Amino acid sequence: MRSTRIMADLSVDDIEVAKGFYTDFLGLSTEEFNLGWVARFTSPDGEALVQLVTRDATAPEDPVISIHTPDVEAAYREAQEMGYEIVVPLRTEEWGVHRFFVRAPDGNVINIVGHPH
């Protein structure tokens, strides 16, 4: 699998309450998107970013990081071939991303995400 972007998925109780710290203090002033339960904030140069998550809206567990890849279908097949536990099967979400969750051997849940071809 080829990773093109890795970002932390930080668990917060309330995105609106938490966002001031990440935008005002840490300088992640660009809100890339906000779905109410997940929001991504980046620095003006796009180099630093974080996602704040209250509770994943469509999954039984929350991921600790999100990994972007240009070929999520190939990554899914590779994870299955390697015998990793698939927590959420590959699917296209209503907000347009194609993703699946896989459990790392250490127990962390990872969101593998891309955009449909």
Protein backbone atom coordinates (compact mmCIF):
# COMPACT_ATOMS: atom_id res chain seq x y z
CA MET A 1 0.00 0.00 0.00
CA ARG A 2 1.18 3.52 -0.75
CA SER A 3 0.35 6.14 1.89
CA THR A 4 0.06 9.72 0.66
CA ARG A 5 -1.19 11.44 3.83
CA ILE A 6 -1.39 10.41 7.48
CA MET A 7 -3.33 12.37 10.05
CA ALA A 8 -4.25 11.96 13.70
CA ASP A 9 -7.91 11.40 14.54
CA LEU A 10 -8.27 13.01 17.96
CA SER A 11 -11.24 12.09 20.10
CA VAL A 12 -13.10 15.14 21.43
CA ASP A 13 -16.43 15.59 23.21
CA ASP A 14 -17.49 18.62 21.16
CA ILE A 15 -15.83 19.83 17.96
CA GLU A 16 -17.01 23.42 18.32
CA VAL A 17 -15.64 23.66 21.87
CA ALA A 18 -12.32 22.01 20.92
CA LYS A 19 -11.69 23.81 17.65
CA GLY A 20 -10.57 27.09 19.26
CA PHE A 21 -7.51 25.43 20.77
CA TYR A 22 -6.49 23.83 17.47
CA THR A 23 -7.21 26.90 15.33
CA ASP A 24 -6.34 29.85 17.59
CA PHE A 25 -3.48 28.39 19.62
CA LEU A 26 -1.99 25.80 17.24
CA GLY A 27 -2.65 27.86 14.10
CA LEU A 28 -4.60 25.23 12.19
CA SER A 29 -6.80 27.96 10.82
CA THR A 30 -8.25 26.32 7.72
CA GLU A 31 -11.37 24.22 8.27
CA GLU A 32 -11.23 21.76 5.36
CA PHE A 33 -14.59 20.25 6.28
CA ASN A 34 -16.90 19.81 9.24
CA LEU A 35 -19.61 17.13 9.29
CA GLY A 36 -20.57 17.84 12.89
CA TRP A 37 -19.02 14.61 14.18
CA VAL A 38 -15.69 14.96 12.35
CA ALA A 39 -13.79 18.05 11.21
CA ARG A 40 -10.34 18.58 9.67
CA PHE A 41 -8.21 21.61 10.43
CA THR A 42 -4.98 22.48 8.61
CA SER A 43 -2.26 25.09 8.77
CA PRO A 44 -2.35 27.82 6.09
CA ASP A 45 0.50 26.10 4.20
CA GLY A 46 -1.27 22.72 4.37
CA GLU A 47 1.70 21.04 6.02
CA ALA A 48 0.12 20.34 9.44
CA LEU A 49 -3.34 18.89 9.98
CA VAL A 50 -5.55 17.09 12.46
CA GLN A 51 -9.02 15.60 12.47
CA LEU A 52 -11.27 16.01 15.50
CA VAL A 53 -13.80 13.20 15.95
CA THR A 54 -16.65 12.97 18.46
CA ARG A 55 -17.80 9.49 17.36
CA ASP A 56 -17.54 7.99 13.89
CA ALA A 57 -21.03 8.24 12.42
CA THR A 58 -20.92 5.00 10.42
CA ALA A 59 -18.51 2.69 12.26
CA PRO A 60 -18.57 0.65 15.47
CA GLU A 61 -15.14 1.91 16.55
CA ASP A 62 -13.22 5.16 16.14
CA PRO A 63 -9.90 5.15 14.30
CA VAL A 64 -6.77 6.66 15.84
CA ILE A 65 -5.33 7.75 12.49
CA SER A 66 -6.50 8.14 8.92
CA ILE A 67 -4.26 7.06 6.06
CA HIS A 68 -4.95 8.37 2.56
CA THR A 69 -4.00 6.18 -0.38
CA PRO A 70 -4.58 6.55 -4.13
CA ASP A 71 -5.81 2.94 -4.44
CA VAL A 72 -8.01 2.04 -1.47
CA GLU A 73 -9.34 -1.06 -3.26
CA ALA A 74 -5.82 -2.49 -3.61
CA ALA A 75 -5.08 -1.62 0.03
CA TYR A 76 -8.24 -3.47 1.08
CA ARG A 77 -7.24 -6.59 -0.87
CA GLU A 78 -3.73 -6.42 0.60
CA ALA A 79 -5.04 -6.12 4.17
CA GLN A 80 -7.25 -9.16 3.60
CA GLU A 81 -4.43 -11.17 2.00
CA MET A 82 -2.16 -10.38 4.95
CA GLY A 83 -4.84 -11.60 7.36
CA TYR A 84 -5.49 -8.31 9.17
CA GLU A 85 -8.84 -7.87 10.90
CA ILE A 86 -11.21 -5.73 8.87
CA VAL A 87 -13.25 -3.70 11.38
CA VAL A 88 -15.36 -1.90 8.75
CA PRO A 89 -15.55 -3.35 5.23
CA LEU A 90 -14.72 -1.29 2.16
CA ARG A 91 -17.51 1.10 1.23
CA THR A 92 -18.26 4.52 -0.19
CA GLU A 93 -19.63 6.93 2.40
CA GLU A 94 -22.39 9.44 1.66
CA TRP A 95 -19.85 12.30 1.95
CA GLY A 96 -17.88 10.83 -0.97
CA VAL A 97 -14.90 8.95 0.45
CA HIS A 98 -14.12 5.31 -0.16
CA ARG A 99 -12.79 3.71 3.03
CA PHE A 100 -12.36 0.75 5.32
CA PHE A 101 -11.09 0.26 8.88
CA VAL A 102 -8.39 -2.25 9.69
CA ARG A 103 -7.04 -3.27 13.09
CA ALA A 104 -3.27 -3.12 13.46
CA PRO A 105 -1.64 -6.00 15.36
CA ASP A 106 -1.22 -3.62 18.34
CA GLY A 107 -5.00 -3.14 18.51
CA ASN A 108 -5.22 0.35 17.01
CA VAL A 109 -7.99 0.90 14.48
CA ILE A 110 -6.82 2.60 11.28
CA ASN A 111 -9.04 4.37 8.72
CA ILE A 112 -7.75 3.69 5.19
CA VAL A 113 -9.34 6.24 2.89
CA GLY A 114 -9.33 7.33 -0.74
CA HIS A 115 -11.62 8.75 -3.34
CA PRO A 116 -13.58 6.51 -5.73
CA HIS A 117 -12.19 6.13 -9.24
